[in-house]
Amino acid sequence: MFTAAWAAWIAAFCVIEGIALYRKQPGDTLSEHVWRWFHTAKGTVPDRTTRLRRFVLVAFMAWLSAHFLTGGMF
């Protein structure tokens, strides 16, 4: 059951991202949303949460990479 659910989730992502890429409108793709959410987009005016947002993104990506590369040891 979980394999099918994850496959559906991945398929939904591919459809959504595919439509966003096809439309070529600013702010449609996941990357553009992440850049906006974590204040890494060009021209973003830093505020008092910018460092925290960027730290959360870097920490999550570091953990996720280690988690995948070590077979779940982290």
Protein backbone atom coordinates (compact mmCIF):
# COMPACT_ATOMS: atom_id res chain seq x y z
CA MET A 1 0.00 0.00 0.00
CA PHE A 2 2.76 2.48 0.88
CA THR A 3 4.66 1.77 -2.33
CA ALA A 4 1.57 2.69 -4.34
CA ALA A 5 1.02 5.82 -2.24
CA TRP A 6 4.63 6.99 -2.73
CA ALA A 7 4.40 6.25 -6.45
CA ALA A 8 1.20 8.33 -6.65
CA TRP A 9 2.89 11.16 -4.74
CA ILE A 10 5.85 11.12 -7.14
CA ALA A 11 3.52 11.01 -10.14
CA ALA A 12 1.54 13.97 -8.79
CA PHE A 13 4.78 15.92 -8.30
CA CYS A 14 5.86 15.12 -11.87
CA VAL A 15 2.52 16.30 -13.27
CA ILE A 16 2.51 19.52 -11.22
CA GLU A 17 6.16 20.34 -11.99
CA GLY A 18 5.68 19.40 -15.65
CA ILE A 19 2.76 21.80 -15.99
CA ALA A 20 4.75 24.51 -14.21
CA LEU A 21 7.71 24.01 -16.55
CA TYR A 22 5.48 24.00 -19.61
CA ARG A 23 3.73 27.24 -18.59
CA LYS A 24 7.03 29.03 -17.94
CA GLN A 25 5.36 31.53 -15.62
CA PRO A 26 7.35 33.03 -12.74
CA GLY A 27 6.68 31.39 -9.39
CA ASP A 28 5.22 28.10 -10.68
CA THR A 29 7.97 25.54 -10.03
CA LEU A 30 8.94 23.95 -6.74
CA SER A 31 12.38 25.53 -6.99
CA GLU A 32 10.90 29.00 -7.27
CA HIS A 33 8.67 28.36 -4.26
CA VAL A 34 11.61 27.07 -2.19
CA TRP A 35 13.67 30.10 -3.16
CA ARG A 36 10.86 32.38 -2.04
CA TRP A 37 10.01 30.47 1.17
CA PHE A 38 13.65 30.29 2.30
CA HIS A 39 14.65 33.79 1.10
CA THR A 40 17.24 32.60 -1.42
CA ALA A 41 15.65 34.17 -4.51
CA LYS A 42 17.60 36.92 -6.21
CA GLY A 43 16.52 40.31 -4.96
CA THR A 44 15.02 38.97 -1.74
CA VAL A 45 15.12 41.57 0.99
CA PRO A 46 16.39 39.87 4.16
CA ASP A 47 14.25 40.17 7.25
CA ARG A 48 14.71 38.95 10.81
CA THR A 49 13.79 35.36 9.85
CA THR A 50 16.07 35.03 6.81
CA ARG A 51 19.01 33.40 8.61
CA LEU A 52 16.70 30.96 10.37
CA ARG A 53 14.92 30.05 7.13
CA ARG A 54 18.22 29.45 5.34
CA PHE A 55 19.59 27.42 8.26
CA VAL A 56 16.48 25.22 8.27
CA LEU A 57 16.86 24.60 4.53
CA VAL A 58 20.57 23.76 4.76
CA ALA A 59 20.09 21.56 7.83
CA PHE A 60 17.21 19.66 6.22
CA MET A 61 19.08 19.13 2.95
CA ALA A 62 22.21 17.97 4.82
CA TRP A 63 20.18 15.54 6.93
CA LEU A 64 18.24 14.23 3.92
CA SER A 65 21.44 13.67 1.94
CA ALA A 66 23.10 11.84 4.84
CA HIS A 67 19.92 9.85 5.47
CA PHE A 68 19.73 8.62 1.88
CA LEU A 69 23.46 8.04 1.46
CA THR A 70 23.86 6.01 4.67
CA GLY A 71 20.79 3.84 4.29
CA GLY A 72 18.95 5.53 7.14
CA MET A 73 21.70 5.63 9.77
CA PHE A 74 20.98 9.35 10.18
